[in-house]
């Protein structure tokens, strides 16, 4: 069975890996220093069709009640990557555990690029 269709039970509530991916994608995007999420070919197709893909750059796999999340991020220039990766992991873990009640075993951060465009403070 495809892992995107695997479900976890929480007091008779079923939460799909796709739903967890949306929560993780939004949470990662909320962290200061994350410029965006890196989409694969499927994310590009969804965006070309005019759909907003909230799980872009997120892969969630649940096996035997163990959830692992891979996040593919683009970071803003000037942020220390190890510190930023830790902050993303903590924020995503907290959001999923609070909102879905799912314990996250691993979160892997894959830095796909650095955004050298103007920073938020330079635009003001």
PDB file of N, CA and C in Angstrom:
ATOM      1  N   UNK A   1       0.838  -1.174   0.000  1.00  0.00           N
ATOM      2  CA  UNK A   1       0.000   0.000   0.000  1.00  0.00           C
ATOM      3  C   UNK A   1       0.882   1.236   0.000  1.00  0.00           C
ATOM      4  N   UNK A   2       0.536   2.234  -0.812  1.00  0.00           N
ATOM      5  CA  UNK A   2       1.276   3.478  -0.904  1.00  0.00           C
ATOM      6  C   UNK A   2       1.217   4.192   0.444  1.00  0.00           C
ATOM      7  N   UNK A   3       2.366   4.682   0.922  1.00  0.00           N
ATOM      8  CA  UNK A   3       2.421   5.300   2.246  1.00  0.00           C
ATOM      9  C   UNK A   3       1.553   6.546   2.335  1.00  0.00           C
ATOM     10  N   UNK A   4       1.251   7.202   1.204  1.00  0.00           N
ATOM     11  CA  UNK A   4       0.411   8.390   1.257  1.00  0.00           C
ATOM     12  C   UNK A   4      -1.018   8.039   1.631  1.00  0.00           C
ATOM     13  N   UNK A   5      -1.380   6.748   1.537  1.00  0.00           N
ATOM     14  CA  UNK A   5      -2.720   6.328   1.894  1.00  0.00           C
ATOM     15  C   UNK A   5      -2.764   5.615   3.237  1.00  0.00           C
ATOM     16  N   UNK A   6      -1.598   5.438   3.877  1.00  0.00           N
ATOM     17  CA  UNK A   6      -1.580   4.827   5.196  1.00  0.00           C
ATOM     18  C   UNK A   6      -2.206   5.796   6.186  1.00  0.00           C
ATOM     19  N   UNK A   7      -2.863   5.275   7.171  1.00  0.00           N
ATOM     20  CA  UNK A   7      -3.550   6.117   8.138  1.00  0.00           C
ATOM     21  C   UNK A   7      -3.151   5.722   9.545  1.00  0.00           C
ATOM     22  N   UNK A   8      -3.271   6.682  10.463  1.00  0.00           N
ATOM     23  CA  UNK A   8      -3.018   6.414  11.866  1.00  0.00           C
ATOM     24  C   UNK A   8      -4.312   6.635  12.625  1.00  0.00           C
ATOM     25  N   UNK A   9      -4.519   5.857  13.647  1.00  0.00           N
ATOM     26  CA  UNK A   9      -5.729   5.984  14.445  1.00  0.00           C
ATOM     27  C   UNK A   9      -5.442   6.799  15.697  1.00  0.00           C
ATOM     28  N   UNK A  10      -6.355   7.714  15.992  1.00  0.00           N
ATOM     29  CA  UNK A  10      -6.252   8.527  17.188  1.00  0.00           C
ATOM     30  C   UNK A  10      -7.672   8.690  17.709  1.00  0.00           C
ATOM     31  N   UNK A  11      -8.054   7.825  18.687  1.00  0.00           N
ATOM     32  CA  UNK A  11      -9.410   7.865  19.231  1.00  0.00           C
ATOM     33  C   UNK A  11     -10.461   7.847  18.122  1.00  0.00           C
ATOM     34  N   UNK A  12     -10.380   6.886  17.244  1.00  0.00           N
ATOM     35  CA  UNK A  12     -11.309   6.709  16.136  1.00  0.00           C
ATOM     36  C   UNK A  12     -11.198   7.774  15.051  1.00  0.00           C
ATOM     37  N   UNK A  13     -10.195   8.611  15.088  1.00  0.00           N
ATOM     38  CA  UNK A  13      -9.960   9.605  14.051  1.00  0.00           C
ATOM     39  C   UNK A  13      -8.797   9.124  13.203  1.00  0.00           C
ATOM     40  N   UNK A  14      -8.985   9.139  11.897  1.00  0.00           N
ATOM     41  CA  UNK A  14      -7.937   8.705  10.978  1.00  0.00           C
ATOM     42  C   UNK A  14      -7.237   9.930  10.397  1.00  0.00           C
ATOM     43  N   UNK A  15      -5.930   9.966  10.499  1.00  0.00           N
ATOM     44  CA  UNK A  15      -5.143  11.083   9.987  1.00  0.00           C
ATOM     45  C   UNK A  15      -4.191  10.534   8.927  1.00  0.00           C
ATOM     46  N   UNK A  16      -4.319  11.015   7.707  1.00  0.00           N
ATOM     47  CA  UNK A  16      -3.477  10.520   6.615  1.00  0.00           C
ATOM     48  C   UNK A  16      -2.108  11.189   6.644  1.00  0.00           C
ATOM     49  N   UNK A  17      -1.156  10.547   5.984  1.00  0.00           N
ATOM     50  CA  UNK A  17       0.173  11.134   5.838  1.00  0.00           C
ATOM     51  C   UNK A  17       0.079  12.437   5.045  1.00  0.00           C
ATOM     52  N   UNK A  18      -0.861  12.519   4.104  1.00  0.00           N
ATOM     53  CA  UNK A  18      -1.039  13.755   3.331  1.00  0.00           C
ATOM     54  C   UNK A  18      -1.458  14.916   4.232  1.00  0.00           C
ATOM     55  N   UNK A  19      -2.337  14.649   5.193  1.00  0.00           N
ATOM     56  CA  UNK A  19      -2.764  15.695   6.126  1.00  0.00           C
ATOM     57  C   UNK A  19      -1.588  16.143   6.989  1.00  0.00           C
ATOM     58  N   UNK A  20      -0.770  15.190   7.438  1.00  0.00           N
ATOM     59  CA  UNK A  20       0.419  15.530   8.219  1.00  0.00           C
ATOM     60  C   UNK A  20       1.394  16.353   7.389  1.00  0.00           C
ATOM     61  N   UNK A  21       1.493  16.053   6.091  1.00  0.00           N
ATOM     62  CA  UNK A  21       2.389  16.790   5.202  1.00  0.00           C
ATOM     63  C   UNK A  21       1.963  18.252   5.087  1.00  0.00           C
ATOM     64  N   UNK A  22       0.673  18.506   5.046  1.00  0.00           N
ATOM     65  CA  UNK A  22       0.182  19.879   4.976  1.00  0.00           C
ATOM     66  C   UNK A  22       0.541  20.634   6.256  1.00  0.00           C
ATOM     67  N   UNK A  23       0.311  20.014   7.407  1.00  0.00           N
ATOM     68  CA  UNK A  23       0.660  20.644   8.687  1.00  0.00           C
ATOM     69  C   UNK A  23       2.160  20.936   8.729  1.00  0.00           C
ATOM     70  N   UNK A  24       2.974  19.959   8.325  1.00  0.00           N
ATOM     71  CA  UNK A  24       4.435  20.128   8.354  1.00  0.00           C
ATOM     72  C   UNK A  24       4.890  21.223   7.401  1.00  0.00           C
ATOM     73  N   UNK A  25       4.304  21.291   6.211  1.00  0.00           N
ATOM     74  CA  UNK A  25       4.681  22.305   5.228  1.00  0.00           C
ATOM     75  C   UNK A  25       4.375  23.708   5.711  1.00  0.00           C
ATOM     76  N   UNK A  26       3.190  23.881   6.282  1.00  0.00           N
ATOM     77  CA  UNK A  26       2.817  25.196   6.807  1.00  0.00           C
ATOM     78  C   UNK A  26       3.724  25.566   7.977  1.00  0.00           C
ATOM     79  N   UNK A  27       3.960  24.624   8.878  1.00  0.00           N
ATOM     80  CA  UNK A  27       4.802  24.886  10.052  1.00  0.00           C
ATOM     81  C   UNK A  27       6.224  25.266   9.640  1.00  0.00           C
ATOM     82  N   UNK A  28       6.793  24.552   8.690  1.00  0.00           N
ATOM     83  CA  UNK A  28       8.155  24.859   8.238  1.00  0.00           C
ATOM     84  C   UNK A  28       8.222  26.247   7.620  1.00  0.00           C
ATOM     85  N   UNK A  29       7.203  26.620   6.875  1.00  0.00           N
ATOM     86  CA  UNK A  29       7.176  27.929   6.227  1.00  0.00           C
ATOM     87  C   UNK A  29       7.060  29.072   7.225  1.00  0.00           C
ATOM     88  N   UNK A  30       6.564  28.787   8.418  1.00  0.00           N
ATOM     89  CA  UNK A  30       6.413  29.802   9.458  1.00  0.00           C
ATOM     90  C   UNK A  30       7.737  30.175  10.126  1.00  0.00           C
ATOM     91  N   UNK A  31       8.756  29.364   9.969  1.00  0.00           N
ATOM     92  CA  UNK A  31      10.037  29.606  10.641  1.00  0.00           C
ATOM     93  C   UNK A  31      10.800  30.707   9.905  1.00  0.00           C
ATOM     94  N   UNK A  32      11.208  31.720  10.648  1.00  0.00           N
ATOM     95  CA  UNK A  32      11.984  32.816  10.077  1.00  0.00           C
ATOM     96  C   UNK A  32      13.300  32.258   9.548  1.00  0.00           C
ATOM     97  N   UNK A  33      13.620  32.579   8.331  1.00  0.00           N
ATOM     98  CA  UNK A  33      14.834  32.065   7.697  1.00  0.00           C
ATOM     99  C   UNK A  33      14.528  31.057   6.617  1.00  0.00           C
ATOM    100  N   UNK A  34      13.305  30.551   6.578  1.00  0.00           N
ATOM    101  CA  UNK A  34      12.888  29.643   5.506  1.00  0.00           C
ATOM    102  C   UNK A  34      12.297  30.510   4.403  1.00  0.00           C
ATOM    103  N   UNK A  35      12.935  30.471   3.246  1.00  0.00           N
ATOM    104  CA  UNK A  35      12.468  31.257   2.116  1.00  0.00           C
ATOM    105  C   UNK A  35      11.311  30.564   1.410  1.00  0.00           C
ATOM    106  N   UNK A  36      11.356  29.242   1.390  1.00  0.00           N
ATOM    107  CA  UNK A  36      10.299  28.478   0.732  1.00  0.00           C
ATOM    108  C   UNK A  36      10.608  27.005   0.792  1.00  0.00           C
ATOM    109  N   UNK A  37       9.701  26.249   0.232  1.00  0.00           N
ATOM    110  CA  UNK A  37       9.863  24.802   0.172  1.00  0.00           C
ATOM    111  C   UNK A  37      10.214  24.451  -1.262  1.00  0.00           C
ATOM    112  N   UNK A  38      11.055  23.454  -1.426  1.00  0.00           N
ATOM    113  CA  UNK A  38      11.473  23.022  -2.747  1.00  0.00           C
ATOM    114  C   UNK A  38      10.532  21.950  -3.254  1.00  0.00           C
ATOM    115  N   UNK A  39       9.941  22.190  -4.411  1.00  0.00           N
ATOM    116  CA  UNK A  39       9.001  21.207  -4.955  1.00  0.00           C
ATOM    117  C   UNK A  39       9.699  20.298  -5.944  1.00  0.00           C
ATOM    118  N   UNK A  40       9.221  19.077  -5.992  1.00  0.00           N
ATOM    119  CA  UNK A  40       9.688  18.139  -7.001  1.00  0.00           C
ATOM    120  C   UNK A  40       8.859  18.334  -8.250  1.00  0.00           C
ATOM    121  N   UNK A  41       8.888  17.390  -9.132  1.00  0.00           N
ATOM    122  CA  UNK A  41       8.155  17.482 -10.392  1.00  0.00           C
ATOM    123  C   UNK A  41       6.652  17.536 -10.155  1.00  0.00           C
ATOM    124  N   UNK A  42       6.134  16.780  -9.180  1.00  0.00           N
ATOM    125  CA  UNK A  42       4.695  16.775  -8.938  1.00  0.00           C
ATOM    126  C   UNK A  42       4.230  18.104  -8.379  1.00  0.00           C
ATOM    127  N   UNK A  43       5.018  18.749  -7.540  1.00  0.00           N
ATOM    128  CA  UNK A  43       4.643  20.057  -7.017  1.00  0.00           C
ATOM    129  C   UNK A  43       4.573  21.090  -8.115  1.00  0.00           C
ATOM    130  N   UNK A  44       5.517  21.040  -9.054  1.00  0.00           N
ATOM    131  CA  UNK A  44       5.511  21.964 -10.184  1.00  0.00           C
ATOM    132  C   UNK A  44       4.300  21.787 -11.063  1.00  0.00           C
ATOM    133  N   UNK A  45       3.872  20.543 -11.264  1.00  0.00           N
ATOM    134  CA  UNK A  45       2.687  20.270 -12.072  1.00  0.00           C
ATOM    135  C   UNK A  45       1.446  20.816 -11.388  1.00  0.00           C
ATOM    136  N   UNK A  46       1.312  20.599 -10.085  1.00  0.00           N
ATOM    137  CA  UNK A  46       0.149  21.095  -9.348  1.00  0.00           C
ATOM    138  C   UNK A  46       0.079  22.613  -9.415  1.00  0.00           C
ATOM    139  N   UNK A  47       1.221  23.288  -9.268  1.00  0.00           N
ATOM    140  CA  UNK A  47       1.235  24.740  -9.318  1.00  0.00           C
ATOM    141  C   UNK A  47       0.916  25.239 -10.722  1.00  0.00           C
ATOM    142  N   UNK A  48       1.386  24.530 -11.751  1.00  0.00           N
ATOM    143  CA  UNK A  48       1.099  24.918 -13.122  1.00  0.00           C
ATOM    144  C   UNK A  48      -0.392  24.815 -13.420  1.00  0.00           C
ATOM    145  N   UNK A  49      -1.079  23.901 -12.758  1.00  0.00           N
ATOM    146  CA  UNK A  49      -2.514  23.739 -12.931  1.00  0.00           C
ATOM    147  C   UNK A  49      -3.307  24.711 -12.070  1.00  0.00           C
ATOM    148  N   UNK A  50      -2.616  25.591 -11.356  1.00  0.00           N
ATOM    149  CA  UNK A  50      -3.279  26.611 -10.564  1.00  0.00           C
ATOM    150  C   UNK A  50      -3.657  26.184  -9.158  1.00  0.00           C
ATOM    151  N   UNK A  51      -3.190  25.044  -8.712  1.00  0.00           N
ATOM    152  CA  UNK A  51      -3.505  24.580  -7.356  1.00  0.00           C
ATOM    153  C   UNK A  51      -2.375  24.950  -6.412  1.00  0.00           C
ATOM    154  N   UNK A  52      -2.745  25.377  -5.224  1.00  0.00           N
ATOM    155  CA  UNK A  52      -1.748  25.655  -4.194  1.00  0.00           C
ATOM    156  C   UNK A  52      -1.444  24.334  -3.508  1.00  0.00           C
ATOM    157  N   UNK A  53      -0.174  23.983  -3.470  1.00  0.00           N
ATOM    158  CA  UNK A  53       0.237  22.717  -2.867  1.00  0.00           C
ATOM    159  C   UNK A  53       0.846  23.002  -1.502  1.00  0.00           C
ATOM    160  N   UNK A  54       0.039  22.864  -0.443  1.00  0.00           N
ATOM    161  CA  UNK A  54       0.511  23.175   0.910  1.00  0.00           C
ATOM    162  C   UNK A  54       1.495  22.142   1.445  1.00  0.00           C
ATOM    163  N   UNK A  55       1.592  21.000   0.788  1.00  0.00           N
ATOM    164  CA  UNK A  55       2.536  19.978   1.237  1.00  0.00           C
ATOM    165  C   UNK A  55       3.782  19.953   0.353  1.00  0.00           C
ATOM    166  N   UNK A  56       3.985  20.993  -0.425  1.00  0.00           N
ATOM    167  CA  UNK A  56       5.142  21.087  -1.315  1.00  0.00           C
ATOM    168  C   UNK A  56       6.432  20.969  -0.508  1.00  0.00           C
ATOM    169  N   UNK A  57       7.336  20.115  -0.953  1.00  0.00           N
ATOM    170  CA  UNK A  57       8.617  19.959  -0.279  1.00  0.00           C
ATOM    171  C   UNK A  57       8.566  19.120   0.976  1.00  0.00           C
ATOM    172  N   UNK A  58       7.495  18.335   1.142  1.00  0.00           N
ATOM    173  CA  UNK A  58       7.329  17.523   2.347  1.00  0.00           C
ATOM    174  C   UNK A  58       7.038  16.084   1.953  1.00  0.00           C
ATOM    175  N   UNK A  59       7.730  15.170   2.609  1.00  0.00           N
ATOM    176  CA  UNK A  59       7.468  13.742   2.428  1.00  0.00           C
ATOM    177  C   UNK A  59       7.238  13.147   3.816  1.00  0.00           C
ATOM    178  N   UNK A  60       6.092  12.505   3.992  1.00  0.00           N
ATOM    179  CA  UNK A  60       5.757  11.887   5.271  1.00  0.00           C
ATOM    180  C   UNK A  60       5.594  10.397   5.053  1.00  0.00           C
ATOM    181  N   UNK A  61       6.257   9.612   5.895  1.00  0.00           N
ATOM    182  CA  UNK A  61       6.132   8.158   5.838  1.00  0.00           C
ATOM    183  C   UNK A  61       5.818   7.650   7.238  1.00  0.00           C
ATOM    184  N   UNK A  62       4.739   6.884   7.326  1.00  0.00           N
ATOM    185  CA  UNK A  62       4.366   6.274   8.599  1.00  0.00           C
ATOM    186  C   UNK A  62       4.391   4.771   8.429  1.00  0.00           C
ATOM    187  N   UNK A  63       5.193   4.120   9.240  1.00  0.00           N
ATOM    188  CA  UNK A  63       5.284   2.656   9.240  1.00  0.00           C
ATOM    189  C   UNK A  63       5.303   2.184  10.678  1.00  0.00           C
ATOM    190  N   UNK A  64       4.440   1.245  10.985  1.00  0.00           N
ATOM    191  CA  UNK A  64       4.387   0.667  12.335  1.00  0.00           C
ATOM    192  C   UNK A  64       4.306   1.745  13.413  1.00  0.00           C
ATOM    193  N   UNK A  65       3.439   2.709  13.226  1.00  0.00           N
ATOM    194  CA  UNK A  65       3.213   3.803  14.178  1.00  0.00           C
ATOM    195  C   UNK A  65       4.417   4.715  14.370  1.00  0.00           C
ATOM    196  N   UNK A  66       5.390   4.649  13.470  1.00  0.00           N
ATOM    197  CA  UNK A  66       6.550   5.541  13.515  1.00  0.00           C
ATOM    198  C   UNK A  66       6.466   6.490  12.322  1.00  0.00           C
ATOM    199  N   UNK A  67       6.415   7.788  12.607  1.00  0.00           N
ATOM    200  CA  UNK A  67       6.290   8.794  11.548  1.00  0.00           C
ATOM    201  C   UNK A  67       7.625   9.485  11.327  1.00  0.00           C
ATOM    202  N   UNK A  68       8.042   9.525  10.065  1.00  0.00           N
ATOM    203  CA  UNK A  68       9.264  10.209   9.661  1.00  0.00           C
ATOM    204  C   UNK A  68       8.894  11.257   8.624  1.00  0.00           C
ATOM    205  N   UNK A  69       9.463  12.445   8.772  1.00  0.00           N
ATOM    206  CA  UNK A  69       9.171  13.549   7.862  1.00  0.00           C
ATOM    207  C   UNK A  69      10.464  14.037   7.229  1.00  0.00           C
ATOM    208  N   UNK A  70      10.439  14.203   5.913  1.00  0.00           N
ATOM    209  CA  UNK A  70      11.541  14.809   5.175  1.00  0.00           C
ATOM    210  C   UNK A  70      11.059  16.151   4.650  1.00  0.00           C
ATOM    211  N   UNK A  71      11.808  17.215   4.950  1.00  0.00           N
ATOM    212  CA  UNK A  71      11.465  18.562   4.506  1.00  0.00           C
ATOM    213  C   UNK A  71      12.564  19.068   3.578  1.00  0.00           C
ATOM    214  N   UNK A  72      12.158  19.553   2.409  1.00  0.00           N
ATOM    215  CA  UNK A  72      13.085  20.069   1.409  1.00  0.00           C
ATOM    216  C   UNK A  72      12.901  21.579   1.358  1.00  0.00           C
ATOM    217  N   UNK A  73      13.863  22.321   1.931  1.00  0.00           N
ATOM    218  CA  UNK A  73      13.697  23.754   2.138  1.00  0.00           C
ATOM    219  C   UNK A  73      14.718  24.578   1.374  1.00  0.00           C
ATOM    220  N   UNK A  74      14.331  25.824   1.147  1.00  0.00           N
ATOM    221  CA  UNK A  74      15.234  26.843   0.619  1.00  0.00           C
ATOM    222  C   UNK A  74      15.385  27.862   1.734  1.00  0.00           C
ATOM    223  N   UNK A  75      16.611  28.147   2.127  1.00  0.00           N
ATOM    224  CA  UNK A  75      16.858  29.040   3.254  1.00  0.00           C
ATOM    225  C   UNK A  75      17.270  30.428   2.767  1.00  0.00           C
ATOM    226  N   UNK A  76      16.988  31.409   3.599  1.00  0.00           N
ATOM    227  CA  UNK A  76      17.396  32.786   3.294  1.00  0.00           C
ATOM    228  C   UNK A  76      18.888  32.948   3.593  1.00  0.00           C
ATOM    229  N   UNK A  77      19.543  33.742   2.779  1.00  0.00           N
ATOM    230  CA  UNK A  77      20.949  34.036   2.989  1.00  0.00           C
ATOM    231  C   UNK A  77      21.123  34.745   4.325  1.00  0.00           C
ATOM    232  N   UNK A  78      22.163  34.362   5.057  1.00  0.00           N
ATOM    233  CA  UNK A  78      22.494  35.019   6.316  1.00  0.00           C
ATOM    234  C   UNK A  78      22.096  34.229   7.549  1.00  0.00           C
ATOM    235  N   UNK A  79      21.366  33.156   7.372  1.00  0.00           N
ATOM    236  CA  UNK A  79      20.968  32.325   8.517  1.00  0.00           C
ATOM    237  C   UNK A  79      21.945  31.165   8.651  1.00  0.00           C
ATOM    238  N   UNK A  80      22.269  30.823   9.875  1.00  0.00           N
ATOM    239  CA  UNK A  80      23.159  29.695  10.140  1.00  0.00           C
ATOM    240  C   UNK A  80      22.348  28.411   9.964  1.00  0.00           C
ATOM    241  N   UNK A  81      22.720  27.615   8.986  1.00  0.00           N
ATOM    242  CA  UNK A  81      21.916  26.462   8.575  1.00  0.00           C
ATOM    243  C   UNK A  81      21.705  25.439   9.692  1.00  0.00           C
ATOM    244  N   UNK A  82      22.722  25.042  10.461  1.00  0.00           N
ATOM    245  CA  UNK A  82      22.454  24.066  11.530  1.00  0.00           C
ATOM    246  C   UNK A  82      21.435  24.569  12.556  1.00  0.00           C
ATOM    247  N   UNK A  83      21.525  25.853  12.928  1.00  0.00           N
ATOM    248  CA  UNK A  83      20.575  26.419  13.885  1.00  0.00           C
ATOM    249  C   UNK A  83      19.173  26.482  13.289  1.00  0.00           C
ATOM    250  N   UNK A  84      19.089  26.887  12.028  1.00  0.00           N
ATOM    251  CA  UNK A  84      17.807  26.982  11.349  1.00  0.00           C
ATOM    252  C   UNK A  84      17.166  25.602  11.201  1.00  0.00           C
ATOM    253  N   UNK A  85      17.961  24.604  10.847  1.00  0.00           N
ATOM    254  CA  UNK A  85      17.436  23.242  10.700  1.00  0.00           C
ATOM    255  C   UNK A  85      16.870  22.738  12.029  1.00  0.00           C
ATOM    256  N   UNK A  86      17.562  23.004  13.116  1.00  0.00           N
ATOM    257  CA  UNK A  86      17.067  22.593  14.434  1.00  0.00           C
ATOM    258  C   UNK A  86      15.749  23.297  14.757  1.00  0.00           C
ATOM    259  N   UNK A  87      15.678  24.593  14.474  1.00  0.00           N
ATOM    260  CA  UNK A  87      14.464  25.352  14.748  1.00  0.00           C
ATOM    261  C   UNK A  87      13.280  24.825  13.919  1.00  0.00           C
ATOM    262  N   UNK A  88      13.533  24.485  12.659  1.00  0.00           N
ATOM    263  CA  UNK A  88      12.484  23.910  11.801  1.00  0.00           C
ATOM    264  C   UNK A  88      12.016  22.585  12.396  1.00  0.00           C
ATOM    265  N   UNK A  89      12.961  21.720  12.772  1.00  0.00           N
ATOM    266  CA  UNK A  89      12.601  20.425  13.344  1.00  0.00           C
ATOM    267  C   UNK A  89      11.719  20.593  14.578  1.00  0.00           C
ATOM    268  N   UNK A  90      12.115  21.466  15.476  1.00  0.00           N
ATOM    269  CA  UNK A  90      11.366  21.666  16.713  1.00  0.00           C
ATOM    270  C   UNK A  90       9.969  22.219  16.445  1.00  0.00           C
ATOM    271  N   UNK A  91       9.882  23.207  15.555  1.00  0.00           N
ATOM    272  CA  UNK A  91       8.582  23.828  15.275  1.00  0.00           C
ATOM    273  C   UNK A  91       7.630  22.845  14.587  1.00  0.00           C
ATOM    274  N   UNK A  92       8.128  22.110  13.616  1.00  0.00           N
ATOM    275  CA  UNK A  92       7.296  21.143  12.901  1.00  0.00           C
ATOM    276  C   UNK A  92       6.850  20.039  13.853  1.00  0.00           C
ATOM    277  N   UNK A  93       7.766  19.522  14.641  1.00  0.00           N
ATOM    278  CA  UNK A  93       7.438  18.463  15.606  1.00  0.00           C
ATOM    279  C   UNK A  93       6.354  18.926  16.578  1.00  0.00           C
ATOM    280  N   UNK A  94       6.525  20.124  17.139  1.00  0.00           N
ATOM    281  CA  UNK A  94       5.549  20.658  18.086  1.00  0.00           C
ATOM    282  C   UNK A  94       4.180  20.860  17.436  1.00  0.00           C
ATOM    283  N   UNK A  95       4.152  21.402  16.221  1.00  0.00           N
ATOM    284  CA  UNK A  95       2.873  21.643  15.539  1.00  0.00           C
ATOM    285  C   UNK A  95       2.133  20.340  15.257  1.00  0.00           C
ATOM    286  N   UNK A  96       2.840  19.336  14.764  1.00  0.00           N
ATOM    287  CA  UNK A  96       2.177  18.066  14.452  1.00  0.00           C
ATOM    288  C   UNK A  96       1.703  17.375  15.726  1.00  0.00           C
ATOM    289  N   UNK A  97       2.539  17.364  16.748  1.00  0.00           N
ATOM    290  CA  UNK A  97       2.147  16.702  17.986  1.00  0.00           C
ATOM    291  C   UNK A  97       0.983  17.427  18.663  1.00  0.00           C
ATOM    292  N   UNK A  98       0.935  18.763  18.596  1.00  0.00           N
ATOM    293  CA  UNK A  98      -0.160  19.515  19.200  1.00  0.00           C
ATOM    294  C   UNK A  98      -1.447  19.407  18.384  1.00  0.00           C
ATOM    295  N   UNK A  99      -1.339  19.535  17.069  1.00  0.00           N
ATOM    296  CA  UNK A  99      -2.529  19.589  16.221  1.00  0.00           C
ATOM    297  C   UNK A  99      -3.091  18.219  15.883  1.00  0.00           C
ATOM    298  N   UNK A 100      -2.219  17.232  15.700  1.00  0.00           N
ATOM    299  CA  UNK A 100      -2.686  15.915  15.258  1.00  0.00           C
ATOM    300  C   UNK A 100      -2.556  14.848  16.340  1.00  0.00           C
ATOM    301  N   UNK A 101      -1.784  15.126  17.383  1.00  0.00           N
ATOM    302  CA  UNK A 101      -1.594  14.131  18.427  1.00  0.00           C
ATOM    303  C   UNK A 101      -0.742  12.954  17.973  1.00  0.00           C
ATOM    304  N   UNK A 102       0.052  13.157  16.946  1.00  0.00           N
ATOM    305  CA  UNK A 102       0.917  12.111  16.393  1.00  0.00           C
ATOM    306  C   UNK A 102       2.342  12.351  16.895  1.00  0.00           C
ATOM    307  N   UNK A 103       2.986  11.308  17.370  1.00  0.00           N
ATOM    308  CA  UNK A 103       4.378  11.419  17.798  1.00  0.00           C
ATOM    309  C   UNK A 103       5.266  11.261  16.564  1.00  0.00           C
ATOM    310  N   UNK A 104       6.137  12.246  16.347  1.00  0.00           N
ATOM    311  CA  UNK A 104       7.043  12.235  15.200  1.00  0.00           C
ATOM    312  C   UNK A 104       8.380  11.668  15.655  1.00  0.00           C
ATOM    313  N   UNK A 105       8.808  10.598  14.997  1.00  0.00           N
ATOM    314  CA  UNK A 105      10.060   9.942  15.375  1.00  0.00           C
ATOM    315  C   UNK A 105      11.283  10.663  14.803  1.00  0.00           C
ATOM    316  N   UNK A 106      11.231  11.034  13.514  1.00  0.00           N
ATOM    317  CA  UNK A 106      12.370  11.682  12.856  1.00  0.00           C
ATOM    318  C   UNK A 106      11.895  12.798  11.945  1.00  0.00           C
ATOM    319  N   UNK A 107      12.671  13.886  11.908  1.00  0.00           N
ATOM    320  CA  UNK A 107      12.465  14.949  10.926  1.00  0.00           C
ATOM    321  C   UNK A 107      13.812  15.224  10.285  1.00  0.00           C
ATOM    322  N   UNK A 108      13.878  15.019   8.978  1.00  0.00           N
ATOM    323  CA  UNK A 108      15.115  15.254   8.232  1.00  0.00           C
ATOM    324  C   UNK A 108      14.962  16.532   7.417  1.00  0.00           C
ATOM    325  N   UNK A 109      15.946  17.418   7.528  1.00  0.00           N
ATOM    326  CA  UNK A 109      15.932  18.680   6.795  1.00  0.00           C
ATOM    327  C   UNK A 109      16.923  18.564   5.640  1.00  0.00           C
ATOM    328  N   UNK A 110      16.436  18.833   4.433  1.00  0.00           N
ATOM    329  CA  UNK A 110      17.263  18.805   3.228  1.00  0.00           C
ATOM    330  C   UNK A 110      17.294  20.226   2.667  1.00  0.00           C
ATOM    331  N   UNK A 111      18.438  20.894   2.779  1.00  0.00           N
ATOM    332  CA  UNK A 111      18.562  22.251   2.254  1.00  0.00           C
ATOM    333  C   UNK A 111      18.812  22.141   0.751  1.00  0.00           C
ATOM    334  N   UNK A 112      17.871  22.664  -0.026  1.00  0.00           N
ATOM    335  CA  UNK A 112      17.917  22.550  -1.477  1.00  0.00           C
ATOM    336  C   UNK A 112      18.483  23.789  -2.162  1.00  0.00           C
ATOM    337  N   UNK A 113      18.626  24.867  -1.392  1.00  0.00           N
ATOM    338  CA  UNK A 113      19.170  26.079  -1.991  1.00  0.00           C
ATOM    339  C   UNK A 113      19.175  27.216  -0.991  1.00  0.00           C
ATOM    340  N   UNK A 114      19.799  28.317  -1.423  1.00  0.00           N
ATOM    341  CA  UNK A 114      19.870  29.523  -0.608  1.00  0.00           C
ATOM    342  C   UNK A 114      19.277  30.664  -1.413  1.00  0.00           C
ATOM    343  N   UNK A 115      18.384  31.420  -0.795  1.00  0.00           N
ATOM    344  CA  UNK A 115      17.732  32.555  -1.429  1.00  0.00           C
ATOM    345  C   UNK A 115      18.570  33.796  -1.150  1.00  0.00           C
ATOM    346  N   UNK A 116      19.150  34.359  -2.204  1.00  0.00           N
ATOM    347  CA  UNK A 116      19.993  35.547  -2.060  1.00  0.00           C
ATOM    348  C   UNK A 116      19.231  36.833  -2.348  1.00  0.00           C
ATOM    349  N   UNK A 117      17.920  36.759  -2.576  1.00  0.00           N
ATOM    350  CA  UNK A 117      17.142  37.971  -2.863  1.00  0.00           C
ATOM    351  C   UNK A 117      17.116  38.863  -1.628  1.00  0.00           C
ATOM    352  N   UNK A 118      16.560  40.038  -1.773  1.00  0.00           N
ATOM    353  CA  UNK A 118      16.535  40.994  -0.669  1.00  0.00           C
ATOM    354  C   UNK A 118      15.896  40.369   0.558  1.00  0.00           C
ATOM    355  N   UNK A 119      16.477  40.661   1.702  1.00  0.00           N
ATOM    356  CA  UNK A 119      15.892  40.186   2.946  1.00  0.00           C
ATOM    357  C   UNK A 119      14.721  41.071   3.321  1.00  0.00           C
ATOM    358  N   UNK A 120      13.899  40.631   4.247  1.00  0.00           N
ATOM    359  CA  UNK A 120      12.722  41.378   4.665  1.00  0.00           C
ATOM    360  C   UNK A 120      13.084  42.753   5.211  1.00  0.00           C
ATOM    361  N   UNK A 121      14.189  42.861   5.961  1.00  0.00           N
ATOM    362  CA  UNK A 121      14.572  44.134   6.549  1.00  0.00           C
ATOM    363  C   UNK A 121      15.084  45.104   5.493  1.00  0.00           C
ATOM    364  N   UNK A 122      15.677  44.616   4.403  1.00  0.00           N
ATOM    365  CA  UNK A 122      16.166  45.473   3.339  1.00  0.00           C
ATOM    366  C   UNK A 122      15.018  46.035   2.516  1.00  0.00           C
ATOM    367  N   UNK A 123      13.880  45.307   2.465  1.00  0.00           N
ATOM    368  CA  UNK A 123      12.738  45.760   1.675  1.00  0.00           C
ATOM    369  C   UNK A 123      12.005  46.897   2.372  1.00  0.00           C
ATOM    370  N   UNK A 124      12.119  47.003   3.684  1.00  0.00           N
ATOM    371  CA  UNK A 124      11.375  48.038   4.431  1.00  0.00           C
ATOM    372  C   UNK A 124      11.987  49.402   4.274  1.00  0.00           C
TER     373      UNK A 124
END
